[in-house]
């Protein structure tokens, strides 16, 4: 598979493309990475250096890829952290070009906007872009629990409320909705849920909650879900595989007391997870 991945890049650590590209490559896929920002590290450290790229720079890089005549072989576009709302237009243009060249290509939107405890942490205009343009254009959308509520414009605590919010996203356009970091009222203490909805069926994977809060896990799982879904076209199977790999990497990271995902050190978890999780139908 060939994936066009448009999101952030950090020199140190693993978020954005630095969390998504290697897992997809390790599973045997070609990734054409286009970076929306170049930062020294993610802002969670309290400081960083670098810059957000202008939207025209993103367009130029995509145009250069198109010049190679390879867009008909692009199987999917993955987008994540934008850096600025204006870059959203460049992402929409890229998706349009890819889908014009390959009608079977999918667009997976990871609507990076915020999280529990932090609230919205992106620049002005990005939340509006996600809700108004990116999500309706997407075939697959991968919000965390907080972002699901933001996009659906409703509180979703119980399982029924979460399913209602997921249905609201389906109504906007995406045929596959994956929600990460789910803490529903019925989620047991010490556990965390992931829920995927596709083809009028909802499935859940429940894993132990690890003593770790780390940046980049959502970026990695969106990428892993996308490539597994491209391979099988089975949302439940793709969720189980993506969850198993991500859990294994997070467990190794927690055991090492590391602040960044141990993607390279724990890369075997990407191809042969030490613990497998299967999705249950809800």
C-alpha atoms as a PDB file:
ATOM      1  CA  UNK A   1       0.000   0.000   0.000  1.00  0.00           C
ATOM      2  CA  UNK A   2       1.028   3.610  -0.607  1.00  0.00           C
ATOM      3  CA  UNK A   3      -0.037   6.155   2.016  1.00  0.00           C
ATOM      4  CA  UNK A   4       0.181   9.955   1.737  1.00  0.00           C
ATOM      5  CA  UNK A   5       0.547  11.127   5.344  1.00  0.00           C
ATOM      6  CA  UNK A   6       0.120  14.849   6.023  1.00  0.00           C
ATOM      7  CA  UNK A   7       0.823  15.847   9.616  1.00  0.00           C
ATOM      8  CA  UNK A   8       3.396  17.260  12.005  1.00  0.00           C
ATOM      9  CA  UNK A   9       7.025  16.250  12.419  1.00  0.00           C
ATOM     10  CA  UNK A  10       9.317  16.449  15.443  1.00  0.00           C
ATOM     11  CA  UNK A  11      13.073  15.886  15.382  1.00  0.00           C
ATOM     12  CA  UNK A  12      13.098  14.455  18.909  1.00  0.00           C
ATOM     13  CA  UNK A  13      10.424  12.034  20.024  1.00  0.00           C
ATOM     14  CA  UNK A  14       7.420  10.448  18.360  1.00  0.00           C
ATOM     15  CA  UNK A  15       4.283  12.415  17.535  1.00  0.00           C
ATOM     16  CA  UNK A  16       2.557  13.164  14.230  1.00  0.00           C
ATOM     17  CA  UNK A  17       4.416  11.714  11.268  1.00  0.00           C
ATOM     18  CA  UNK A  18       7.242  10.774  13.633  1.00  0.00           C
ATOM     19  CA  UNK A  19       4.772   8.403  15.332  1.00  0.00           C
ATOM     20  CA  UNK A  20       2.831   7.300  12.265  1.00  0.00           C
ATOM     21  CA  UNK A  21       5.351   6.768   9.451  1.00  0.00           C
ATOM     22  CA  UNK A  22       7.593   4.101  10.983  1.00  0.00           C
ATOM     23  CA  UNK A  23       4.751   1.804  12.142  1.00  0.00           C
ATOM     24  CA  UNK A  24       3.235   1.850   8.657  1.00  0.00           C
ATOM     25  CA  UNK A  25       6.629   1.228   7.061  1.00  0.00           C
ATOM     26  CA  UNK A  26       7.401  -1.584   9.503  1.00  0.00           C
ATOM     27  CA  UNK A  27       4.232  -3.311   8.349  1.00  0.00           C
ATOM     28  CA  UNK A  28       5.472  -3.141   4.772  1.00  0.00           C
ATOM     29  CA  UNK A  29       3.772  -0.034   3.407  1.00  0.00           C
ATOM     30  CA  UNK A  30       5.255   2.888   1.474  1.00  0.00           C
ATOM     31  CA  UNK A  31       4.607   6.234   3.147  1.00  0.00           C
ATOM     32  CA  UNK A  32       4.890   9.597   1.428  1.00  0.00           C
ATOM     33  CA  UNK A  33       5.275  11.932   4.390  1.00  0.00           C
ATOM     34  CA  UNK A  34       4.362  15.595   4.026  1.00  0.00           C
ATOM     35  CA  UNK A  35       5.036  17.629   7.163  1.00  0.00           C
ATOM     36  CA  UNK A  36       2.791  20.455   8.342  1.00  0.00           C
ATOM     37  CA  UNK A  37       5.287  21.620  10.981  1.00  0.00           C
ATOM     38  CA  UNK A  38       8.919  21.011  11.869  1.00  0.00           C
ATOM     39  CA  UNK A  39       9.406  21.209  15.621  1.00  0.00           C
ATOM     40  CA  UNK A  40      12.330  20.208  17.782  1.00  0.00           C
ATOM     41  CA  UNK A  41       9.965  18.255  20.053  1.00  0.00           C
ATOM     42  CA  UNK A  42       6.291  18.185  20.929  1.00  0.00           C
ATOM     43  CA  UNK A  43       4.952  21.143  22.958  1.00  0.00           C
ATOM     44  CA  UNK A  44       4.215  18.902  25.947  1.00  0.00           C
ATOM     45  CA  UNK A  45       7.734  19.580  27.182  1.00  0.00           C
ATOM     46  CA  UNK A  46       6.721  23.181  27.855  1.00  0.00           C
ATOM     47  CA  UNK A  47       8.898  24.572  25.106  1.00  0.00           C
ATOM     48  CA  UNK A  48       9.976  23.798  21.561  1.00  0.00           C
ATOM     49  CA  UNK A  49      11.657  25.355  18.559  1.00  0.00           C
ATOM     50  CA  UNK A  50      10.772  25.255  14.908  1.00  0.00           C
ATOM     51  CA  UNK A  51       7.977  26.475  12.712  1.00  0.00           C
ATOM     52  CA  UNK A  52       4.582  25.790  11.218  1.00  0.00           C
ATOM     53  CA  UNK A  53       4.949  25.516   7.463  1.00  0.00           C
ATOM     54  CA  UNK A  54       2.862  27.761   5.185  1.00  0.00           C
ATOM     55  CA  UNK A  55      -0.020  26.025   3.441  1.00  0.00           C
ATOM     56  CA  UNK A  56       1.643  26.732   0.093  1.00  0.00           C
ATOM     57  CA  UNK A  57       4.676  24.706   1.172  1.00  0.00           C
ATOM     58  CA  UNK A  58       2.439  21.705   1.830  1.00  0.00           C
ATOM     59  CA  UNK A  59       0.796  22.227  -1.567  1.00  0.00           C
ATOM     60  CA  UNK A  60       4.170  22.427  -3.285  1.00  0.00           C
ATOM     61  CA  UNK A  61       5.352  19.152  -1.785  1.00  0.00           C
ATOM     62  CA  UNK A  62       2.118  17.400  -2.774  1.00  0.00           C
ATOM     63  CA  UNK A  63       2.396  18.906  -6.268  1.00  0.00           C
ATOM     64  CA  UNK A  64       5.925  17.542  -6.532  1.00  0.00           C
ATOM     65  CA  UNK A  65       4.667  14.068  -5.639  1.00  0.00           C
ATOM     66  CA  UNK A  66       1.919  14.426  -8.244  1.00  0.00           C
ATOM     67  CA  UNK A  67       4.552  15.393 -10.816  1.00  0.00           C
ATOM     68  CA  UNK A  68       6.028  11.920 -10.421  1.00  0.00           C
ATOM     69  CA  UNK A  69       2.780  10.486 -11.773  1.00  0.00           C
ATOM     70  CA  UNK A  70       2.245   8.282  -8.732  1.00  0.00           C
ATOM     71  CA  UNK A  71      -1.079   9.522  -7.362  1.00  0.00           C
ATOM     72  CA  UNK A  72      -3.051   6.756  -9.142  1.00  0.00           C
ATOM     73  CA  UNK A  73      -1.151   4.282  -6.947  1.00  0.00           C
ATOM     74  CA  UNK A  74      -1.949   6.125  -3.705  1.00  0.00           C
ATOM     75  CA  UNK A  75      -4.262   3.962  -1.595  1.00  0.00           C
ATOM     76  CA  UNK A  76      -5.031   6.433   1.180  1.00  0.00           C
ATOM     77  CA  UNK A  77      -4.436   9.886   2.595  1.00  0.00           C
ATOM     78  CA  UNK A  78      -3.890  10.214   6.342  1.00  0.00           C
ATOM     79  CA  UNK A  79      -4.029  13.627   7.978  1.00  0.00           C
ATOM     80  CA  UNK A  80      -3.312  14.634  11.566  1.00  0.00           C
ATOM     81  CA  UNK A  81      -2.011  17.731  13.367  1.00  0.00           C
ATOM     82  CA  UNK A  82      -2.303  20.717  11.041  1.00  0.00           C
ATOM     83  CA  UNK A  83      -0.471  23.510  12.820  1.00  0.00           C
ATOM     84  CA  UNK A  84      -2.684  26.154  11.215  1.00  0.00           C
ATOM     85  CA  UNK A  85      -6.224  26.200   9.843  1.00  0.00           C
ATOM     86  CA  UNK A  86      -4.990  27.393   6.439  1.00  0.00           C
ATOM     87  CA  UNK A  87      -3.195  24.066   5.987  1.00  0.00           C
ATOM     88  CA  UNK A  88      -6.604  22.431   6.023  1.00  0.00           C
ATOM     89  CA  UNK A  89      -7.268  23.779   2.529  1.00  0.00           C
ATOM     90  CA  UNK A  90      -4.048  22.129   1.337  1.00  0.00           C
ATOM     91  CA  UNK A  91      -5.161  18.818   2.857  1.00  0.00           C
ATOM     92  CA  UNK A  92      -8.563  19.052   1.161  1.00  0.00           C
ATOM     93  CA  UNK A  93      -6.826  19.805  -2.153  1.00  0.00           C
ATOM     94  CA  UNK A  94      -4.512  16.803  -1.689  1.00  0.00           C
ATOM     95  CA  UNK A  95      -7.423  14.471  -0.929  1.00  0.00           C
ATOM     96  CA  UNK A  96      -9.225  15.752  -4.015  1.00  0.00           C
ATOM     97  CA  UNK A  97      -6.199  15.123  -6.221  1.00  0.00           C
ATOM     98  CA  UNK A  98      -5.665  11.617  -4.890  1.00  0.00           C
ATOM     99  CA  UNK A  99      -9.316  10.632  -5.228  1.00  0.00           C
ATOM    100  CA  UNK A 100      -9.446  12.052  -8.747  1.00  0.00           C
ATOM    101  CA  UNK A 101      -6.457   9.877  -9.651  1.00  0.00           C
ATOM    102  CA  UNK A 102      -7.674   6.776  -7.757  1.00  0.00           C
ATOM    103  CA  UNK A 103     -11.402   6.525  -7.083  1.00  0.00           C
ATOM    104  CA  UNK A 104     -10.786   3.714  -4.601  1.00  0.00           C
ATOM    105  CA  UNK A 105      -8.450   5.719  -2.367  1.00  0.00           C
ATOM    106  CA  UNK A 106      -9.572   6.397   1.204  1.00  0.00           C
ATOM    107  CA  UNK A 107      -9.162   9.492   3.350  1.00  0.00           C
ATOM    108  CA  UNK A 108      -8.486   8.888   7.047  1.00  0.00           C
ATOM    109  CA  UNK A 109      -8.777  12.021   9.176  1.00  0.00           C
ATOM    110  CA  UNK A 110      -7.275  12.016  12.655  1.00  0.00           C
ATOM    111  CA  UNK A 111      -8.970  15.204  13.914  1.00  0.00           C
ATOM    112  CA  UNK A 112      -6.261  16.339  16.318  1.00  0.00           C
ATOM    113  CA  UNK A 113      -7.777  19.121  18.397  1.00  0.00           C
ATOM    114  CA  UNK A 114      -7.554  18.417  22.106  1.00  0.00           C
ATOM    115  CA  UNK A 115      -7.833  15.977  24.971  1.00  0.00           C
ATOM    116  CA  UNK A 116      -9.263  15.512  28.442  1.00  0.00           C
ATOM    117  CA  UNK A 117      -7.436  17.679  30.956  1.00  0.00           C
ATOM    118  CA  UNK A 118      -5.897  19.875  28.273  1.00  0.00           C
ATOM    119  CA  UNK A 119      -8.966  21.024  26.399  1.00  0.00           C
ATOM    120  CA  UNK A 120      -8.532  22.379  22.888  1.00  0.00           C
ATOM    121  CA  UNK A 121      -4.843  22.984  22.165  1.00  0.00           C
ATOM    122  CA  UNK A 122      -4.836  23.800  18.450  1.00  0.00           C
ATOM    123  CA  UNK A 123      -4.912  27.184  16.758  1.00  0.00           C
ATOM    124  CA  UNK A 124      -8.100  29.117  16.117  1.00  0.00           C
ATOM    125  CA  UNK A 125     -10.120  27.869  13.183  1.00  0.00           C
ATOM    126  CA  UNK A 126      -8.902  24.273  13.244  1.00  0.00           C
ATOM    127  CA  UNK A 127     -11.865  22.873  15.202  1.00  0.00           C
ATOM    128  CA  UNK A 128     -14.227  24.571  12.752  1.00  0.00           C
ATOM    129  CA  UNK A 129     -12.286  23.157   9.809  1.00  0.00           C
ATOM    130  CA  UNK A 130     -12.399  19.652  11.229  1.00  0.00           C
ATOM    131  CA  UNK A 131     -16.137  19.702  11.877  1.00  0.00           C
ATOM    132  CA  UNK A 132     -17.119  21.591   8.754  1.00  0.00           C
ATOM    133  CA  UNK A 133     -14.802  20.233   6.072  1.00  0.00           C
ATOM    134  CA  UNK A 134     -12.386  17.466   7.068  1.00  0.00           C
ATOM    135  CA  UNK A 135     -14.779  15.075   8.805  1.00  0.00           C
ATOM    136  CA  UNK A 136     -17.481  15.310   6.080  1.00  0.00           C
ATOM    137  CA  UNK A 137     -14.796  14.542   3.480  1.00  0.00           C
ATOM    138  CA  UNK A 138     -13.332  11.598   5.382  1.00  0.00           C
ATOM    139  CA  UNK A 139     -14.011   7.916   4.834  1.00  0.00           C
ATOM    140  CA  UNK A 140     -12.462   7.125   8.226  1.00  0.00           C
ATOM    141  CA  UNK A 141     -12.259   9.430  11.239  1.00  0.00           C
ATOM    142  CA  UNK A 142     -10.321   8.644  14.431  1.00  0.00           C
ATOM    143  CA  UNK A 143     -11.159  11.092  17.254  1.00  0.00           C
ATOM    144  CA  UNK A 144     -10.340  10.463  20.882  1.00  0.00           C
ATOM    145  CA  UNK A 145     -13.243  10.540  23.356  1.00  0.00           C
ATOM    146  CA  UNK A 146     -12.851  14.270  23.965  1.00  0.00           C
ATOM    147  CA  UNK A 147     -12.727  15.066  20.243  1.00  0.00           C
ATOM    148  CA  UNK A 148     -15.771  12.880  19.588  1.00  0.00           C
ATOM    149  CA  UNK A 149     -17.819  15.054  21.936  1.00  0.00           C
ATOM    150  CA  UNK A 150     -16.373  18.210  20.392  1.00  0.00           C
ATOM    151  CA  UNK A 151     -17.284  17.126  16.867  1.00  0.00           C
ATOM    152  CA  UNK A 152     -20.715  15.753  17.787  1.00  0.00           C
ATOM    153  CA  UNK A 153     -21.444  18.839  19.925  1.00  0.00           C
ATOM    154  CA  UNK A 154     -22.786  16.744  22.759  1.00  0.00           C
ATOM    155  CA  UNK A 155     -21.704  15.138  25.995  1.00  0.00           C
ATOM    156  CA  UNK A 156     -21.167  11.405  25.654  1.00  0.00           C
ATOM    157  CA  UNK A 157     -20.488   9.532  28.890  1.00  0.00           C
ATOM    158  CA  UNK A 158     -22.626   6.401  28.773  1.00  0.00           C
ATOM    159  CA  UNK A 159     -22.214   3.781  26.057  1.00  0.00           C
ATOM    160  CA  UNK A 160     -25.562   4.790  24.549  1.00  0.00           C
ATOM    161  CA  UNK A 161     -24.502   8.440  24.481  1.00  0.00           C
ATOM    162  CA  UNK A 162     -21.186   7.518  22.854  1.00  0.00           C
ATOM    163  CA  UNK A 163     -22.983   5.503  20.198  1.00  0.00           C
ATOM    164  CA  UNK A 164     -25.293   8.447  19.599  1.00  0.00           C
ATOM    165  CA  UNK A 165     -22.297  10.759  19.152  1.00  0.00           C
ATOM    166  CA  UNK A 166     -20.719   8.247  16.764  1.00  0.00           C
ATOM    167  CA  UNK A 167     -23.944   8.169  14.741  1.00  0.00           C
ATOM    168  CA  UNK A 168     -23.801  11.964  14.560  1.00  0.00           C
ATOM    169  CA  UNK A 169     -20.333  11.692  12.990  1.00  0.00           C
ATOM    170  CA  UNK A 170     -21.527   9.040  10.543  1.00  0.00           C
ATOM    171  CA  UNK A 171     -24.266  11.456   9.518  1.00  0.00           C
ATOM    172  CA  UNK A 172     -21.590  13.965   8.523  1.00  0.00           C
ATOM    173  CA  UNK A 173     -20.037  11.523   6.051  1.00  0.00           C
ATOM    174  CA  UNK A 174     -17.451   9.037   7.417  1.00  0.00           C
ATOM    175  CA  UNK A 175     -18.389   5.391   7.034  1.00  0.00           C
ATOM    176  CA  UNK A 176     -15.872   4.267   9.654  1.00  0.00           C
ATOM    177  CA  UNK A 177     -15.538   5.959  13.060  1.00  0.00           C
ATOM    178  CA  UNK A 178     -12.828   4.867  15.503  1.00  0.00           C
ATOM    179  CA  UNK A 179     -12.904   6.428  18.972  1.00  0.00           C
ATOM    180  CA  UNK A 180      -9.800   6.104  21.129  1.00  0.00           C
ATOM    181  CA  UNK A 181      -9.211   6.684  24.853  1.00  0.00           C
ATOM    182  CA  UNK A 182     -12.838   5.937  25.692  1.00  0.00           C
ATOM    183  CA  UNK A 183     -13.789   6.250  29.342  1.00  0.00           C
ATOM    184  CA  UNK A 184     -17.477   5.414  29.452  1.00  0.00           C
ATOM    185  CA  UNK A 185     -19.540   5.100  32.601  1.00  0.00           C
ATOM    186  CA  UNK A 186     -19.361   1.308  32.213  1.00  0.00           C
ATOM    187  CA  UNK A 187     -15.597   1.187  31.605  1.00  0.00           C
ATOM    188  CA  UNK A 188     -14.147  -0.631  34.628  1.00  0.00           C
ATOM    189  CA  UNK A 189     -11.533   1.089  36.739  1.00  0.00           C
ATOM    190  CA  UNK A 190      -8.119   0.139  35.489  1.00  0.00           C
ATOM    191  CA  UNK A 191      -9.311  -0.290  31.902  1.00  0.00           C
ATOM    192  CA  UNK A 192      -9.569   1.847  28.769  1.00  0.00           C
ATOM    193  CA  UNK A 193     -11.762   1.263  25.712  1.00  0.00           C
ATOM    194  CA  UNK A 194     -11.545   1.752  21.972  1.00  0.00           C
ATOM    195  CA  UNK A 195     -14.721   1.651  19.909  1.00  0.00           C
ATOM    196  CA  UNK A 196     -15.104   1.336  16.149  1.00  0.00           C
ATOM    197  CA  UNK A 197     -18.311   1.697  14.179  1.00  0.00           C
ATOM    198  CA  UNK A 198     -18.651   0.570  10.564  1.00  0.00           C
ATOM    199  CA  UNK A 199     -21.207  -1.158   8.355  1.00  0.00           C
ATOM    200  CA  UNK A 200     -23.942  -0.636  10.965  1.00  0.00           C
ATOM    201  CA  UNK A 201     -21.977  -2.554  13.596  1.00  0.00           C
ATOM    202  CA  UNK A 202     -20.130  -1.340  16.677  1.00  0.00           C
ATOM    203  CA  UNK A 203     -17.172  -3.177  18.225  1.00  0.00           C
ATOM    204  CA  UNK A 204     -15.097  -2.528  21.323  1.00  0.00           C
ATOM    205  CA  UNK A 205     -11.624  -3.470  22.458  1.00  0.00           C
ATOM    206  CA  UNK A 206     -10.946  -3.115  26.187  1.00  0.00           C
ATOM    207  CA  UNK A 207      -7.359  -3.117  27.408  1.00  0.00           C
ATOM    208  CA  UNK A 208      -5.776  -2.619  30.811  1.00  0.00           C
ATOM    209  CA  UNK A 209      -5.005   0.996  31.603  1.00  0.00           C
ATOM    210  CA  UNK A 210      -1.264   1.459  31.805  1.00  0.00           C
ATOM    211  CA  UNK A 211       0.383   3.888  34.266  1.00  0.00           C
ATOM    212  CA  UNK A 212       1.429   6.195  31.461  1.00  0.00           C
ATOM    213  CA  UNK A 213       0.207   9.334  29.709  1.00  0.00           C
ATOM    214  CA  UNK A 214       2.270   9.881  26.618  1.00  0.00           C
ATOM    215  CA  UNK A 215       2.048  11.915  23.439  1.00  0.00           C
ATOM    216  CA  UNK A 216       1.838  10.234  20.049  1.00  0.00           C
ATOM    217  CA  UNK A 217      -0.133   7.109  20.927  1.00  0.00           C
ATOM    218  CA  UNK A 218      -3.224   8.415  19.137  1.00  0.00           C
ATOM    219  CA  UNK A 219      -1.170   9.242  16.035  1.00  0.00           C
ATOM    220  CA  UNK A 220       0.292   5.737  16.018  1.00  0.00           C
ATOM    221  CA  UNK A 221      -3.023   3.933  16.476  1.00  0.00           C
ATOM    222  CA  UNK A 222      -4.707   5.966  13.713  1.00  0.00           C
ATOM    223  CA  UNK A 223      -1.934   4.933  11.324  1.00  0.00           C
ATOM    224  CA  UNK A 224      -2.023   1.302  12.438  1.00  0.00           C
ATOM    225  CA  UNK A 225      -5.785   1.121  12.135  1.00  0.00           C
ATOM    226  CA  UNK A 226      -5.678   2.634   8.646  1.00  0.00           C
ATOM    227  CA  UNK A 227      -3.155   0.204   7.175  1.00  0.00           C
ATOM    228  CA  UNK A 228      -4.781  -2.804   8.823  1.00  0.00           C
ATOM    229  CA  UNK A 229      -8.177  -1.704   7.533  1.00  0.00           C
ATOM    230  CA  UNK A 230      -6.772  -1.187   4.036  1.00  0.00           C
ATOM    231  CA  UNK A 231      -5.493  -4.751   4.120  1.00  0.00           C
ATOM    232  CA  UNK A 232      -8.615  -6.464   5.461  1.00  0.00           C
ATOM    233  CA  UNK A 233     -11.520  -4.002   5.031  1.00  0.00           C
ATOM    234  CA  UNK A 234     -12.660  -5.394   8.381  1.00  0.00           C
ATOM    235  CA  UNK A 235     -12.978  -2.636  10.982  1.00  0.00           C
ATOM    236  CA  UNK A 236     -13.213  -5.001  13.968  1.00  0.00           C
ATOM    237  CA  UNK A 237     -10.142  -6.950  12.896  1.00  0.00           C
ATOM    238  CA  UNK A 238      -8.208  -3.743  12.169  1.00  0.00           C
ATOM    239  CA  UNK A 239      -9.105  -2.392  15.618  1.00  0.00           C
ATOM    240  CA  UNK A 240      -7.929  -5.563  17.355  1.00  0.00           C
ATOM    241  CA  UNK A 241      -4.606  -5.542  15.521  1.00  0.00           C
ATOM    242  CA  UNK A 242      -3.998  -1.830  16.025  1.00  0.00           C
ATOM    243  CA  UNK A 243      -4.923  -2.006  19.714  1.00  0.00           C
ATOM    244  CA  UNK A 244      -2.675  -5.010  20.312  1.00  0.00           C
ATOM    245  CA  UNK A 245       0.367  -3.352  18.740  1.00  0.00           C
ATOM    246  CA  UNK A 246      -0.221  -0.036  20.475  1.00  0.00           C
ATOM    247  CA  UNK A 247      -0.741  -1.690  23.860  1.00  0.00           C
ATOM    248  CA  UNK A 248       2.507  -3.620  23.459  1.00  0.00           C
ATOM    249  CA  UNK A 249       4.480  -0.491  22.633  1.00  0.00           C
ATOM    250  CA  UNK A 250       2.896   1.466  25.479  1.00  0.00           C
ATOM    251  CA  UNK A 251       3.592  -1.353  27.926  1.00  0.00           C
ATOM    252  CA  UNK A 252       7.254  -1.453  26.949  1.00  0.00           C
ATOM    253  CA  UNK A 253       7.410   2.339  27.201  1.00  0.00           C
ATOM    254  CA  UNK A 254       5.827   2.317  30.668  1.00  0.00           C
ATOM    255  CA  UNK A 255       8.150  -0.436  31.910  1.00  0.00           C
ATOM    256  CA  UNK A 256      11.155   1.572  30.750  1.00  0.00           C
ATOM    257  CA  UNK A 257       9.876   4.772  32.362  1.00  0.00           C
ATOM    258  CA  UNK A 258      10.411   6.528  29.019  1.00  0.00           C
ATOM    259  CA  UNK A 259       8.819   9.835  28.127  1.00  0.00           C
ATOM    260  CA  UNK A 260       8.611   9.060  24.397  1.00  0.00           C
ATOM    261  CA  UNK A 261       7.079   6.032  22.676  1.00  0.00           C
ATOM    262  CA  UNK A 262       9.661   3.296  22.257  1.00  0.00           C
ATOM    263  CA  UNK A 263       8.630   2.722  18.663  1.00  0.00           C
ATOM    264  CA  UNK A 264      12.032   1.558  17.476  1.00  0.00           C
ATOM    265  CA  UNK A 265      13.008  -0.500  20.512  1.00  0.00           C
ATOM    266  CA  UNK A 266       9.600  -2.185  20.689  1.00  0.00           C
ATOM    267  CA  UNK A 267       9.043  -2.471  16.939  1.00  0.00           C
ATOM    268  CA  UNK A 268       8.418  -6.217  17.100  1.00  0.00           C
ATOM    269  CA  UNK A 269       5.106  -5.341  18.758  1.00  0.00           C
ATOM    270  CA  UNK A 270       4.038  -3.903  15.412  1.00  0.00           C
ATOM    271  CA  UNK A 271       4.380  -7.198  13.572  1.00  0.00           C
ATOM    272  CA  UNK A 272       3.878  -9.752  16.362  1.00  0.00           C
ATOM    273  CA  UNK A 273       2.268  -8.275  19.491  1.00  0.00           C
ATOM    274  CA  UNK A 274       3.044 -10.122  22.705  1.00  0.00           C
ATOM    275  CA  UNK A 275      -0.590  -9.789  23.758  1.00  0.00           C
ATOM    276  CA  UNK A 276      -3.535  -9.920  21.380  1.00  0.00           C
ATOM    277  CA  UNK A 277      -6.874  -8.201  21.899  1.00  0.00           C
ATOM    278  CA  UNK A 278     -10.010  -9.083  19.936  1.00  0.00           C
ATOM    279  CA  UNK A 279     -12.936  -6.775  19.313  1.00  0.00           C
ATOM    280  CA  UNK A 280     -16.286  -7.663  20.842  1.00  0.00           C
ATOM    281  CA  UNK A 281     -19.528  -6.648  19.164  1.00  0.00           C
ATOM    282  CA  UNK A 282     -21.640  -4.212  21.150  1.00  0.00           C
END
